[in-house]
Amino acid sequence: MLTRNQFLRQLVTAAAGTSLIGLEHASARPADKRYLTFDFHTHPGQFIIKGSDKFPGDAAIAKTVGIMNSSHLSGGFFSLVADMPIINLGPTGVVTTTPYKPGEAWKEYKRQLGIYRDSFKPTDVILSTKASDLANYEKQEKVVAYLGCEGGDMLGNVDHVDETYRDGVRSIQLVHYSPNDIGDLQTSDPQHNGLSAFGKEVVKRMNKLGMVIDVAHASYNTVKATADITTKPLILSHTAMSMGADKPLARRTISVDHAKVVAGTGGVIGMWPSGFFPTFDAFVEGTFRMIDAAGIDHVGLGTDMDGNFKPVFDNYAQLIPWADALKAKGLSDADTRKVLGENALRVLKQVL
């Protein structure tokens, strides 16, 4: 039996002869400011690697922020990367080079925090910890930047959660690529059979403080254990529905059951336009697959901008072409608005 969205896509395409081929090359017009738009996961200008010989320079940060504003991106989680110094891109994917020594992860977190503060304070962003700033998107001339951290490797003890909150962090992704003491990853052998005892403490403390828990990169068992104890909606900031083990980055995708667990908390899953998708059109279809699995109230966008692998959505000027493509395939304007940002605002209002 066809879902409502599958039926609408077939009906609209058949009636109008709609083709999205080549849309990724269409001249992108700036996003209509009446749309609330939100990115659950972005690394503008690769700011986290400032100080290394690979850093593209402060101009790269300014460039991405400029495109965010000219395209009217309303807000997003600007993400630190907790395990950045101990991971490398190998021939079969990202690998851990060496474990952190005691205290190193916290020191690295503080270093990146300083970069964030120094790099974005003089740019055209609103550094925020409040959902109300995003709710006022129509009045804002600048993108609203919330601070997130990809991986909880730096925590070590639950009191560090409180300090990250005082630092302005409003989302922590529990795990990334380096195995840590919080939970299991999609891309490594399990160590905790899901969420560890410490991980449960972290989840409860984040709930108490009002921090968004991100379960991207976490194994199904870790996500399920987190969902079982959280009192607030979860996000899974950047992923896609599974389409077979032969796809690039296949281990980072999720099943229907995985998607339903996140949706069951009232949470949102960010569509990840990585090299998993061969074209922009395929990404559009992937968005509908996620909607069919999780429900229209539980899908958003997580671009991994400036840190993604062969992205098919690599510029915020593609926000409206993405919206147009979703509507051309049968999504209503109201439902398109949910995916672009209204679902994100709902979660931020419930958690922050």
C-alpha atoms as a PDB file:
ATOM      1  CA  MET A   1       0.000   0.000   0.000  1.00  0.00           C
ATOM      2  CA  LEU A   2       1.297   3.447  -0.911  1.00  0.00           C
ATOM      3  CA  THR A   3       1.800   6.038   1.794  1.00  0.00           C
ATOM      4  CA  ARG A   4       0.121   9.417   1.392  1.00  0.00           C
ATOM      5  CA  ASN A   5       3.382  11.047   0.304  1.00  0.00           C
ATOM      6  CA  GLN A   6       4.182   8.262  -2.180  1.00  0.00           C
ATOM      7  CA  PHE A   7       0.714   8.622  -3.708  1.00  0.00           C
ATOM      8  CA  LEU A   8       1.025  12.408  -3.974  1.00  0.00           C
ATOM      9  CA  ARG A   9       4.437  12.137  -5.638  1.00  0.00           C
ATOM     10  CA  GLN A  10       3.121   9.734  -8.255  1.00  0.00           C
ATOM     11  CA  LEU A  11      -0.003  11.828  -8.841  1.00  0.00           C
ATOM     12  CA  VAL A  12       1.794  15.159  -9.203  1.00  0.00           C
ATOM     13  CA  THR A  13       4.585  13.763 -11.374  1.00  0.00           C
ATOM     14  CA  ALA A  14       2.163  11.988 -13.681  1.00  0.00           C
ATOM     15  CA  ALA A  15      -0.114  15.010 -14.027  1.00  0.00           C
ATOM     16  CA  ALA A  16       2.533  17.642 -14.556  1.00  0.00           C
ATOM     17  CA  GLY A  17       5.317  15.646 -16.132  1.00  0.00           C
ATOM     18  CA  THR A  18       7.628  17.043 -13.445  1.00  0.00           C
ATOM     19  CA  SER A  19      11.324  16.291 -13.829  1.00  0.00           C
ATOM     20  CA  LEU A  20      13.953  17.256 -11.315  1.00  0.00           C
ATOM     21  CA  ILE A  21      16.888  16.201 -13.456  1.00  0.00           C
ATOM     22  CA  GLY A  22      19.547  18.861 -13.415  1.00  0.00           C
ATOM     23  CA  LEU A  23      17.988  20.794 -10.541  1.00  0.00           C
ATOM     24  CA  GLU A  24      21.296  20.688  -8.720  1.00  0.00           C
ATOM     25  CA  HIS A  25      22.635  22.956 -11.489  1.00  0.00           C
ATOM     26  CA  ALA A  26      19.691  25.347 -11.523  1.00  0.00           C
ATOM     27  CA  SER A  27      20.336  28.990 -10.755  1.00  0.00           C
ATOM     28  CA  ALA A  28      19.505  29.144  -7.058  1.00  0.00           C
ATOM     29  CA  ARG A  29      17.571  32.168  -5.898  1.00  0.00           C
ATOM     30  CA  PRO A  30      17.864  33.417  -2.320  1.00  0.00           C
ATOM     31  CA  ALA A  31      15.549  31.731   0.157  1.00  0.00           C
ATOM     32  CA  ASP A  32      12.291  33.526   0.876  1.00  0.00           C
ATOM     33  CA  LYS A  33      12.690  35.052   4.316  1.00  0.00           C
ATOM     34  CA  ARG A  34       9.165  33.994   5.160  1.00  0.00           C
ATOM     35  CA  TYR A  35      10.489  30.441   5.426  1.00  0.00           C
ATOM     36  CA  LEU A  36      11.931  29.386   8.743  1.00  0.00           C
ATOM     37  CA  THR A  37      15.039  27.371   7.791  1.00  0.00           C
ATOM     38  CA  PHE A  38      17.329  25.457  10.128  1.00  0.00           C
ATOM     39  CA  ASP A  39      20.461  23.339   9.775  1.00  0.00           C
ATOM     40  CA  PHE A  40      20.962  20.780  12.537  1.00  0.00           C
ATOM     41  CA  HIS A  41      24.655  20.292  11.745  1.00  0.00           C
ATOM     42  CA  THR A  42      27.168  22.672  10.157  1.00  0.00           C
ATOM     43  CA  HIS A  43      30.897  23.503  10.364  1.00  0.00           C
ATOM     44  CA  PRO A  44      31.079  26.916   8.608  1.00  0.00           C
ATOM     45  CA  GLY A  45      34.449  27.495   6.977  1.00  0.00           C
ATOM     46  CA  GLN A  46      35.871  24.439   8.752  1.00  0.00           C
ATOM     47  CA  PHE A  47      36.480  26.725  11.729  1.00  0.00           C
ATOM     48  CA  ILE A  48      37.355  23.795  13.977  1.00  0.00           C
ATOM     49  CA  ILE A  49      40.688  23.199  12.199  1.00  0.00           C
ATOM     50  CA  LYS A  50      41.884  26.782  12.587  1.00  0.00           C
ATOM     51  CA  GLY A  51      45.556  26.672  13.463  1.00  0.00           C
ATOM     52  CA  SER A  52      46.326  23.692  11.234  1.00  0.00           C
ATOM     53  CA  ASP A  53      47.915  23.857   7.796  1.00  0.00           C
ATOM     54  CA  LYS A  54      44.621  22.606   6.322  1.00  0.00           C
ATOM     55  CA  PHE A  55      42.583  25.570   7.546  1.00  0.00           C
ATOM     56  CA  PRO A  56      41.284  27.514   4.523  1.00  0.00           C
ATOM     57  CA  GLY A  57      41.492  30.851   6.359  1.00  0.00           C
ATOM     58  CA  ASP A  58      39.087  33.230   8.084  1.00  0.00           C
ATOM     59  CA  ALA A  59      37.754  34.267   4.688  1.00  0.00           C
ATOM     60  CA  ALA A  60      36.191  30.813   4.357  1.00  0.00           C
ATOM     61  CA  ILE A  61      34.240  31.347   7.580  1.00  0.00           C
ATOM     62  CA  ALA A  62      33.073  34.770   6.427  1.00  0.00           C
ATOM     63  CA  LYS A  63      32.109  33.350   3.031  1.00  0.00           C
ATOM     64  CA  THR A  64      29.863  30.618   4.432  1.00  0.00           C
ATOM     65  CA  VAL A  65      28.270  32.990   6.944  1.00  0.00           C
ATOM     66  CA  GLY A  66      27.673  35.447   4.102  1.00  0.00           C
ATOM     67  CA  ILE A  67      25.901  32.767   2.068  1.00  0.00           C
ATOM     68  CA  MET A  68      23.868  31.760   5.121  1.00  0.00           C
ATOM     69  CA  ASN A  69      22.626  35.327   5.442  1.00  0.00           C
ATOM     70  CA  SER A  70      22.098  36.030   1.736  1.00  0.00           C
ATOM     71  CA  SER A  71      20.127  32.776   1.500  1.00  0.00           C
ATOM     72  CA  HIS A  72      18.234  33.597   4.708  1.00  0.00           C
ATOM     73  CA  LEU A  73      19.199  30.530   6.695  1.00  0.00           C
ATOM     74  CA  SER A  74      17.365  31.230   9.928  1.00  0.00           C
ATOM     75  CA  GLY A  75      19.551  29.233  12.295  1.00  0.00           C
ATOM     76  CA  GLY A  76      21.685  26.209  12.904  1.00  0.00           C
ATOM     77  CA  PHE A  77      23.916  24.238  15.250  1.00  0.00           C
ATOM     78  CA  PHE A  78      27.530  25.303  14.617  1.00  0.00           C
ATOM     79  CA  SER A  79      29.405  22.208  15.655  1.00  0.00           C
ATOM     80  CA  LEU A  80      32.725  21.599  17.370  1.00  0.00           C
ATOM     81  CA  VAL A  81      34.233  18.131  16.831  1.00  0.00           C
ATOM     82  CA  ALA A  82      35.375  16.504  20.074  1.00  0.00           C
ATOM     83  CA  ASP A  83      37.588  13.795  18.563  1.00  0.00           C
ATOM     84  CA  MET A  84      39.005  15.803  15.667  1.00  0.00           C
ATOM     85  CA  PRO A  85      42.740  15.433  16.530  1.00  0.00           C
ATOM     86  CA  ILE A  86      42.534  11.634  16.831  1.00  0.00           C
ATOM     87  CA  ILE A  87      40.660  10.732  13.647  1.00  0.00           C
ATOM     88  CA  ASN A  88      41.836  10.531  10.051  1.00  0.00           C
ATOM     89  CA  LEU A  89      40.281   9.697   6.717  1.00  0.00           C
ATOM     90  CA  GLY A  90      41.609   6.289   5.705  1.00  0.00           C
ATOM     91  CA  PRO A  91      41.015   4.159   2.571  1.00  0.00           C
ATOM     92  CA  THR A  92      37.884   2.583   4.068  1.00  0.00           C
ATOM     93  CA  GLY A  93      36.546   5.634   5.886  1.00  0.00           C
ATOM     94  CA  VAL A  94      37.256   7.613   9.042  1.00  0.00           C
ATOM     95  CA  VAL A  95      39.518   5.811  11.513  1.00  0.00           C
ATOM     96  CA  THR A  96      40.816   6.599  14.998  1.00  0.00           C
ATOM     97  CA  THR A  97      44.568   7.163  14.980  1.00  0.00           C
ATOM     98  CA  THR A  98      45.309   7.024  18.712  1.00  0.00           C
ATOM     99  CA  PRO A  99      43.214   7.238  21.880  1.00  0.00           C
ATOM    100  CA  TYR A 100      43.122  10.460  23.866  1.00  0.00           C
ATOM    101  CA  LYS A 101      45.327  10.666  26.932  1.00  0.00           C
ATOM    102  CA  PRO A 102      43.618  11.785  30.164  1.00  0.00           C
ATOM    103  CA  GLY A 103      42.604  15.428  29.961  1.00  0.00           C
ATOM    104  CA  GLU A 104      43.455  15.862  26.272  1.00  0.00           C
ATOM    105  CA  ALA A 105      39.862  15.765  25.043  1.00  0.00           C
ATOM    106  CA  TRP A 106      38.749  18.490  27.464  1.00  0.00           C
ATOM    107  CA  LYS A 107      41.708  20.650  26.474  1.00  0.00           C
ATOM    108  CA  GLU A 108      40.809  20.208  22.777  1.00  0.00           C
ATOM    109  CA  TYR A 109      37.182  21.100  23.482  1.00  0.00           C
ATOM    110  CA  LYS A 110      38.261  24.339  25.172  1.00  0.00           C
ATOM    111  CA  ARG A 111      40.585  25.146  22.253  1.00  0.00           C
ATOM    112  CA  GLN A 112      37.773  24.786  19.728  1.00  0.00           C
ATOM    113  CA  LEU A 113      35.410  26.733  21.982  1.00  0.00           C
ATOM    114  CA  GLY A 114      37.856  29.630  21.891  1.00  0.00           C
ATOM    115  CA  ILE A 115      38.006  29.438  18.098  1.00  0.00           C
ATOM    116  CA  TYR A 116      34.213  29.524  17.914  1.00  0.00           C
ATOM    117  CA  ARG A 117      33.970  32.591  20.126  1.00  0.00           C
ATOM    118  CA  ASP A 118      36.799  34.440  18.396  1.00  0.00           C
ATOM    119  CA  SER A 119      35.771  33.523  14.845  1.00  0.00           C
ATOM    120  CA  PHE A 120      32.043  34.168  14.953  1.00  0.00           C
ATOM    121  CA  LYS A 121      31.699  37.114  17.323  1.00  0.00           C
ATOM    122  CA  PRO A 122      32.864  39.580  14.628  1.00  0.00           C
ATOM    123  CA  THR A 123      30.773  37.948  11.879  1.00  0.00           C
ATOM    124  CA  ASP A 124      27.152  38.542  10.944  1.00  0.00           C
ATOM    125  CA  VAL A 125      25.681  35.893  13.244  1.00  0.00           C
ATOM    126  CA  ILE A 126      23.583  36.007  16.400  1.00  0.00           C
ATOM    127  CA  LEU A 127      25.254  33.802  19.023  1.00  0.00           C
ATOM    128  CA  SER A 128      22.299  32.375  20.900  1.00  0.00           C
ATOM    129  CA  THR A 129      21.177  29.967  23.593  1.00  0.00           C
ATOM    130  CA  LYS A 130      17.451  30.776  23.342  1.00  0.00           C
ATOM    131  CA  ALA A 131      14.733  29.316  21.131  1.00  0.00           C
ATOM    132  CA  SER A 132      13.064  32.731  21.051  1.00  0.00           C
ATOM    133  CA  ASP A 133      15.809  34.082  18.768  1.00  0.00           C
ATOM    134  CA  LEU A 134      14.924  31.474  16.144  1.00  0.00           C
ATOM    135  CA  ALA A 135      11.212  32.091  16.640  1.00  0.00           C
ATOM    136  CA  ASN A 136      11.845  35.735  15.663  1.00  0.00           C
ATOM    137  CA  TYR A 137      13.486  34.715  12.368  1.00  0.00           C
ATOM    138  CA  GLU A 138      11.390  37.105  10.284  1.00  0.00           C
ATOM    139  CA  LYS A 139      12.840  40.056  12.195  1.00  0.00           C
ATOM    140  CA  GLN A 140      16.440  38.832  12.172  1.00  0.00           C
ATOM    141  CA  GLU A 141      18.936  39.980   9.567  1.00  0.00           C
ATOM    142  CA  LYS A 142      21.550  37.432  10.700  1.00  0.00           C
ATOM    143  CA  VAL A 143      21.668  33.666  11.076  1.00  0.00           C
ATOM    144  CA  VAL A 144      21.094  32.475  14.649  1.00  0.00           C
ATOM    145  CA  ALA A 145      24.063  30.320  15.706  1.00  0.00           C
ATOM    146  CA  TYR A 146      23.623  27.722  18.430  1.00  0.00           C
ATOM    147  CA  LEU A 147      26.717  25.893  19.639  1.00  0.00           C
ATOM    148  CA  GLY A 148      26.855  22.107  19.409  1.00  0.00           C
ATOM    149  CA  CYS A 149      29.590  19.532  19.882  1.00  0.00           C
ATOM    150  CA  GLU A 150      30.001  16.428  17.751  1.00  0.00           C
ATOM    151  CA  GLY A 151      30.941  13.701  20.213  1.00  0.00           C
ATOM    152  CA  GLY A 152      30.929  13.743  23.996  1.00  0.00           C
ATOM    153  CA  ASP A 153      34.503  12.491  24.257  1.00  0.00           C
ATOM    154  CA  MET A 154      35.579  15.493  26.340  1.00  0.00           C
ATOM    155  CA  LEU A 155      33.082  14.992  29.152  1.00  0.00           C
ATOM    156  CA  GLY A 156      34.847  12.451  31.379  1.00  0.00           C
ATOM    157  CA  ASN A 157      32.534  13.191  34.305  1.00  0.00           C
ATOM    158  CA  VAL A 158      28.948  14.338  34.408  1.00  0.00           C
ATOM    159  CA  ASP A 159      29.826  17.703  35.974  1.00  0.00           C
ATOM    160  CA  HIS A 160      31.526  18.637  32.707  1.00  0.00           C
ATOM    161  CA  VAL A 161      28.054  18.631  31.136  1.00  0.00           C
ATOM    162  CA  ASP A 162      27.209  21.554  33.427  1.00  0.00           C
ATOM    163  CA  GLU A 163      30.348  23.400  32.368  1.00  0.00           C
ATOM    164  CA  THR A 164      29.623  22.932  28.665  1.00  0.00           C
ATOM    165  CA  TYR A 165      26.174  24.372  29.347  1.00  0.00           C
ATOM    166  CA  ARG A 166      27.745  27.387  31.048  1.00  0.00           C
ATOM    167  CA  ASP A 167      30.029  27.698  28.010  1.00  0.00           C
ATOM    168  CA  GLY A 168      26.936  28.165  25.845  1.00  0.00           C
ATOM    169  CA  VAL A 169      26.790  24.673  24.333  1.00  0.00           C
ATOM    170  CA  ARG A 170      23.176  23.691  23.700  1.00  0.00           C
ATOM    171  CA  SER A 171      23.588  20.346  21.927  1.00  0.00           C
ATOM    172  CA  ILE A 172      25.961  17.426  22.396  1.00  0.00           C
ATOM    173  CA  GLN A 173      26.142  14.557  19.939  1.00  0.00           C
ATOM    174  CA  LEU A 174      26.855  11.633  22.255  1.00  0.00           C
ATOM    175  CA  VAL A 175      29.299   9.827  19.955  1.00  0.00           C
ATOM    176  CA  HIS A 176      31.245  10.492  16.776  1.00  0.00           C
ATOM    177  CA  TYR A 177      33.941   8.300  15.164  1.00  0.00           C
ATOM    178  CA  SER A 178      36.194   7.616  18.151  1.00  0.00           C
ATOM    179  CA  PRO A 179      34.785   5.053  20.613  1.00  0.00           C
ATOM    180  CA  ASN A 180      34.092   6.768  23.937  1.00  0.00           C
ATOM    181  CA  ASP A 181      32.683   5.980  27.386  1.00  0.00           C
ATOM    182  CA  ILE A 182      29.129   7.134  26.594  1.00  0.00           C
ATOM    183  CA  GLY A 183      27.783   4.666  24.055  1.00  0.00           C
ATOM    184  CA  ASP A 184      28.337   2.579  20.941  1.00  0.00           C
ATOM    185  CA  LEU A 185      28.833   3.846  17.389  1.00  0.00           C
ATOM    186  CA  GLN A 186      27.427   2.775  14.049  1.00  0.00           C
ATOM    187  CA  THR A 187      30.950   2.458  12.661  1.00  0.00           C
ATOM    188  CA  SER A 188      32.760   0.513  15.434  1.00  0.00           C
ATOM    189  CA  ASP A 189      32.283  -2.761  17.267  1.00  0.00           C
ATOM    190  CA  PRO A 190      30.040  -2.369  20.348  1.00  0.00           C
ATOM    191  CA  GLN A 191      31.671  -1.840  23.740  1.00  0.00           C
ATOM    192  CA  HIS A 192      28.703  -0.985  25.960  1.00  0.00           C
ATOM    193  CA  ASN A 193      25.791  -2.915  24.427  1.00  0.00           C
ATOM    194  CA  GLY A 194      24.207   0.470  23.715  1.00  0.00           C
ATOM    195  CA  LEU A 195      24.339   3.316  26.222  1.00  0.00           C
ATOM    196  CA  SER A 196      26.783   2.984  29.140  1.00  0.00           C
ATOM    197  CA  ALA A 197      25.934   3.750  32.770  1.00  0.00           C
ATOM    198  CA  PHE A 198      27.866   7.009  32.366  1.00  0.00           C
ATOM    199  CA  GLY A 199      25.978   7.715  29.150  1.00  0.00           C
ATOM    200  CA  LYS A 200      22.701   7.420  31.039  1.00  0.00           C
ATOM    201  CA  GLU A 201      23.954   9.998  33.544  1.00  0.00           C
ATOM    202  CA  VAL A 202      24.868  12.325  30.671  1.00  0.00           C
ATOM    203  CA  VAL A 203      21.412  11.986  29.099  1.00  0.00           C
ATOM    204  CA  LYS A 204      19.657  12.722  32.379  1.00  0.00           C
ATOM    205  CA  ARG A 205      21.861  15.747  33.085  1.00  0.00           C
ATOM    206  CA  MET A 206      21.320  17.154  29.588  1.00  0.00           C
ATOM    207  CA  ASN A 207      17.564  16.744  30.037  1.00  0.00           C
ATOM    208  CA  LYS A 208      17.726  18.577  33.366  1.00  0.00           C
ATOM    209  CA  LEU A 209      19.801  21.467  32.019  1.00  0.00           C
ATOM    210  CA  GLY A 210      17.882  21.902  28.778  1.00  0.00           C
ATOM    211  CA  MET A 211      20.346  20.650  26.165  1.00  0.00           C
ATOM    212  CA  VAL A 212      19.458  18.984  22.867  1.00  0.00           C
ATOM    213  CA  ILE A 213      20.662  15.367  22.777  1.00  0.00           C
ATOM    214  CA  ASP A 214      21.977  14.384  19.345  1.00  0.00           C
ATOM    215  CA  VAL A 215      22.164  10.649  18.561  1.00  0.00           C
ATOM    216  CA  ALA A 216      23.830  10.936  15.138  1.00  0.00           C
ATOM    217  CA  HIS A 217      26.531   8.282  14.604  1.00  0.00           C
ATOM    218  CA  ALA A 218      25.091   6.221  17.487  1.00  0.00           C
ATOM    219  CA  SER A 219      24.220   2.547  17.042  1.00  0.00           C
ATOM    220  CA  TYR A 220      20.585   1.477  17.047  1.00  0.00           C
ATOM    221  CA  ASN A 221      20.954   0.020  20.551  1.00  0.00           C
ATOM    222  CA  THR A 222      22.457   3.279  21.813  1.00  0.00           C
ATOM    223  CA  VAL A 223      19.624   5.298  20.275  1.00  0.00           C
ATOM    224  CA  LYS A 224      17.012   2.929  21.681  1.00  0.00           C
ATOM    225  CA  ALA A 225      18.523   3.096  25.181  1.00  0.00           C
ATOM    226  CA  THR A 226      18.685   6.901  24.983  1.00  0.00           C
ATOM    227  CA  ALA A 227      15.082   7.118  23.824  1.00  0.00           C
ATOM    228  CA  ASP A 228      13.991   4.873  26.691  1.00  0.00           C
ATOM    229  CA  ILE A 229      15.200   7.321  29.353  1.00  0.00           C
ATOM    230  CA  THR A 230      15.043  10.786  27.793  1.00  0.00           C
ATOM    231  CA  THR A 231      12.276  13.117  28.890  1.00  0.00           C
ATOM    232  CA  LYS A 232      12.833  15.456  25.933  1.00  0.00           C
ATOM    233  CA  PRO A 233      12.834  15.014  22.131  1.00  0.00           C
ATOM    234  CA  LEU A 234      16.038  13.701  20.557  1.00  0.00           C
ATOM    235  CA  ILE A 235      17.613  14.828  17.317  1.00  0.00           C
ATOM    236  CA  LEU A 236      19.581  12.697  14.901  1.00  0.00           C
ATOM    237  CA  SER A 237      21.281  15.617  13.211  1.00  0.00           C
ATOM    238  CA  HIS A 238      22.545  14.117   9.950  1.00  0.00           C
ATOM    239  CA  THR A 239      21.791  10.789   8.312  1.00  0.00           C
ATOM    240  CA  ALA A 240      19.748   9.114   5.548  1.00  0.00           C
ATOM    241  CA  MET A 241      17.599   6.028   5.118  1.00  0.00           C
ATOM    242  CA  SER A 242      19.460   2.824   4.322  1.00  0.00           C
ATOM    243  CA  MET A 243      19.544   1.830   0.638  1.00  0.00           C
ATOM    244  CA  GLY A 244      22.017  -1.064   0.733  1.00  0.00           C
ATOM    245  CA  ALA A 245      25.480  -1.864   2.038  1.00  0.00           C
ATOM    246  CA  ASP A 246      27.125  -1.084  -1.313  1.00  0.00           C
ATOM    247  CA  LYS A 247      26.406   2.647  -0.993  1.00  0.00           C
ATOM    248  CA  PRO A 248      29.128   5.072   0.168  1.00  0.00           C
ATOM    249  CA  LEU A 249      28.799   5.789   3.904  1.00  0.00           C
ATOM    250  CA  ALA A 250      26.209   3.006   4.191  1.00  0.00           C
ATOM    251  CA  ARG A 251      27.078   2.313   7.829  1.00  0.00           C
ATOM    252  CA  ARG A 252      26.015   5.858   8.687  1.00  0.00           C
ATOM    253  CA  THR A 253      22.467   5.364   7.440  1.00  0.00           C
ATOM    254  CA  ILE A 254      19.482   4.132   9.440  1.00  0.00           C
ATOM    255  CA  SER A 255      16.639   1.640   9.206  1.00  0.00           C
ATOM    256  CA  VAL A 256      12.921   2.386   9.432  1.00  0.00           C
ATOM    257  CA  ASP A 257      12.894   1.101  13.023  1.00  0.00           C
ATOM    258  CA  HIS A 258      15.841   3.373  13.878  1.00  0.00           C
ATOM    259  CA  ALA A 259      13.979   6.377  12.451  1.00  0.00           C
ATOM    260  CA  LYS A 260      10.813   5.493  14.356  1.00  0.00           C
ATOM    261  CA  VAL A 261      12.685   5.395  17.665  1.00  0.00           C
ATOM    262  CA  VAL A 262      13.824   9.010  17.228  1.00  0.00           C
ATOM    263  CA  ALA A 263      10.373  10.076  16.017  1.00  0.00           C
ATOM    264  CA  GLY A 264       8.815   8.346  19.029  1.00  0.00           C
ATOM    265  CA  THR A 265      10.497  10.866  21.337  1.00  0.00           C
ATOM    266  CA  GLY A 266       8.972  13.736  19.362  1.00  0.00           C
ATOM    267  CA  GLY A 267      12.383  14.345  17.828  1.00  0.00           C
ATOM    268  CA  VAL A 268      13.687  15.268  14.394  1.00  0.00           C
ATOM    269  CA  ILE A 269      16.087  13.598  11.927  1.00  0.00           C
ATOM    270  CA  GLY A 270      18.241  15.837   9.756  1.00  0.00           C
ATOM    271  CA  MET A 271      18.557  14.823   6.120  1.00  0.00           C
ATOM    272  CA  TRP A 272      22.258  14.493   5.262  1.00  0.00           C
ATOM    273  CA  PRO A 273      23.108  15.386   1.626  1.00  0.00           C
ATOM    274  CA  SER A 274      26.376  13.465   1.580  1.00  0.00           C
ATOM    275  CA  GLY A 275      28.011  11.441  -1.182  1.00  0.00           C
ATOM    276  CA  PHE A 276      25.629   8.656  -0.213  1.00  0.00           C
ATOM    277  CA  PHE A 277      23.366  10.335  -2.785  1.00  0.00           C
ATOM    278  CA  PRO A 278      24.668  10.458  -6.368  1.00  0.00           C
ATOM    279  CA  THR A 279      22.602  13.549  -7.295  1.00  0.00           C
ATOM    280  CA  PHE A 280      20.504  16.321  -5.808  1.00  0.00           C
ATOM    281  CA  ASP A 281      17.409  14.576  -7.225  1.00  0.00           C
ATOM    282  CA  ALA A 282      18.328  11.437  -5.303  1.00  0.00           C
ATOM    283  CA  PHE A 283      18.608  13.545  -2.145  1.00  0.00           C
ATOM    284  CA  VAL A 284      15.087  14.860  -2.756  1.00  0.00           C
ATOM    285  CA  GLU A 285      13.795  11.305  -3.100  1.00  0.00           C
ATOM    286  CA  GLY A 286      15.751  10.354   0.011  1.00  0.00           C
ATOM    287  CA  THR A 287      13.934  13.102   1.906  1.00  0.00           C
ATOM    288  CA  PHE A 288      10.608  11.528   0.981  1.00  0.00           C
ATOM    289  CA  ARG A 289      11.841   8.113   2.109  1.00  0.00           C
ATOM    290  CA  MET A 290      12.681   9.619   5.491  1.00  0.00           C
ATOM    291  CA  ILE A 291       9.268  11.314   5.678  1.00  0.00           C
ATOM    292  CA  ASP A 292       7.585   8.002   4.883  1.00  0.00           C
ATOM    293  CA  ALA A 293       9.575   6.265   7.647  1.00  0.00           C
ATOM    294  CA  ALA A 294       9.570   8.854  10.430  1.00  0.00           C
ATOM    295  CA  GLY A 295       6.558  11.044   9.643  1.00  0.00           C
ATOM    296  CA  ILE A 296       6.346  14.624   8.404  1.00  0.00           C
ATOM    297  CA  ASP A 297       6.758  16.089  11.904  1.00  0.00           C
ATOM    298  CA  HIS A 298      10.119  14.400  12.398  1.00  0.00           C
ATOM    299  CA  VAL A 299      12.304  15.355   9.403  1.00  0.00           C
ATOM    300  CA  GLY A 300      14.618  18.328   8.954  1.00  0.00           C
ATOM    301  CA  LEU A 301      18.001  19.215   7.441  1.00  0.00           C
ATOM    302  CA  GLY A 302      21.540  18.468   8.604  1.00  0.00           C
ATOM    303  CA  THR A 303      23.950  19.529   5.857  1.00  0.00           C
ATOM    304  CA  ASP A 304      27.323  18.910   7.559  1.00  0.00           C
ATOM    305  CA  MET A 305      28.259  22.022   5.569  1.00  0.00           C
ATOM    306  CA  ASP A 306      31.963  22.555   4.851  1.00  0.00           C
ATOM    307  CA  GLY A 307      32.731  19.180   6.423  1.00  0.00           C
ATOM    308  CA  ASN A 308      30.690  16.779   4.304  1.00  0.00           C
ATOM    309  CA  PHE A 309      31.830  14.006   1.949  1.00  0.00           C
ATOM    310  CA  LYS A 310      31.033  14.805  -1.720  1.00  0.00           C
ATOM    311  CA  PRO A 311      27.844  16.724  -0.817  1.00  0.00           C
ATOM    312  CA  VAL A 312      25.027  17.229  -3.314  1.00  0.00           C
ATOM    313  CA  PHE A 313      23.772  20.180  -1.234  1.00  0.00           C
ATOM    314  CA  ASP A 314      26.891  22.278  -0.708  1.00  0.00           C
ATOM    315  CA  ASN A 315      25.549  25.823  -0.672  1.00  0.00           C
ATOM    316  CA  TYR A 316      22.724  27.394   1.317  1.00  0.00           C
ATOM    317  CA  ALA A 317      21.412  28.932  -1.887  1.00  0.00           C
ATOM    318  CA  GLN A 318      20.037  25.415  -2.504  1.00  0.00           C
ATOM    319  CA  LEU A 319      17.516  25.765   0.330  1.00  0.00           C
ATOM    320  CA  ILE A 320      14.723  26.970  -1.902  1.00  0.00           C
ATOM    321  CA  PRO A 321      15.494  24.622  -4.834  1.00  0.00           C
ATOM    322  CA  TRP A 322      15.189  21.821  -2.259  1.00  0.00           C
ATOM    323  CA  ALA A 323      11.867  23.226  -1.047  1.00  0.00           C
ATOM    324  CA  ASP A 324      10.640  23.671  -4.615  1.00  0.00           C
ATOM    325  CA  ALA A 325      11.615  20.103  -5.466  1.00  0.00           C
ATOM    326  CA  LEU A 326       9.766  18.712  -2.460  1.00  0.00           C
ATOM    327  CA  LYS A 327       6.634  20.633  -3.423  1.00  0.00           C
ATOM    328  CA  ALA A 328       6.968  19.652  -7.082  1.00  0.00           C
ATOM    329  CA  LYS A 329       6.928  16.026  -5.973  1.00  0.00           C
ATOM    330  CA  GLY A 330       3.720  16.470  -3.977  1.00  0.00           C
ATOM    331  CA  LEU A 331       4.605  17.857  -0.551  1.00  0.00           C
ATOM    332  CA  SER A 332       2.236  20.602   0.588  1.00  0.00           C
ATOM    333  CA  ASP A 333       3.538  24.064   1.413  1.00  0.00           C
ATOM    334  CA  ALA A 334       2.667  23.550   5.089  1.00  0.00           C
ATOM    335  CA  ASP A 335       4.563  20.255   5.241  1.00  0.00           C
ATOM    336  CA  THR A 336       7.526  21.728   3.369  1.00  0.00           C
ATOM    337  CA  ARG A 337       7.730  24.455   6.007  1.00  0.00           C
ATOM    338  CA  LYS A 338       7.867  21.787   8.704  1.00  0.00           C
ATOM    339  CA  VAL A 339      10.851  20.088   7.060  1.00  0.00           C
ATOM    340  CA  LEU A 340      12.722  23.331   6.351  1.00  0.00           C
ATOM    341  CA  GLY A 341      12.618  24.555   9.928  1.00  0.00           C
ATOM    342  CA  GLU A 342       9.356  24.437  11.834  1.00  0.00           C
ATOM    343  CA  ASN A 343      10.067  20.954  13.184  1.00  0.00           C
ATOM    344  CA  ALA A 344      13.418  22.211  14.452  1.00  0.00           C
ATOM    345  CA  LEU A 345      11.847  25.198  16.190  1.00  0.00           C
ATOM    346  CA  ARG A 346       9.351  22.927  17.935  1.00  0.00           C
ATOM    347  CA  VAL A 347      12.164  20.820  19.399  1.00  0.00           C
ATOM    348  CA  LEU A 348      14.213  23.837  20.460  1.00  0.00           C
ATOM    349  CA  LYS A 349      11.175  25.326  22.212  1.00  0.00           C
ATOM    350  CA  GLN A 350      10.609  22.045  24.068  1.00  0.00           C
ATOM    351  CA  VAL A 351      14.225  21.545  25.116  1.00  0.00           C
ATOM    352  CA  LEU A 352      16.106  24.827  25.518  1.00  0.00           C
END
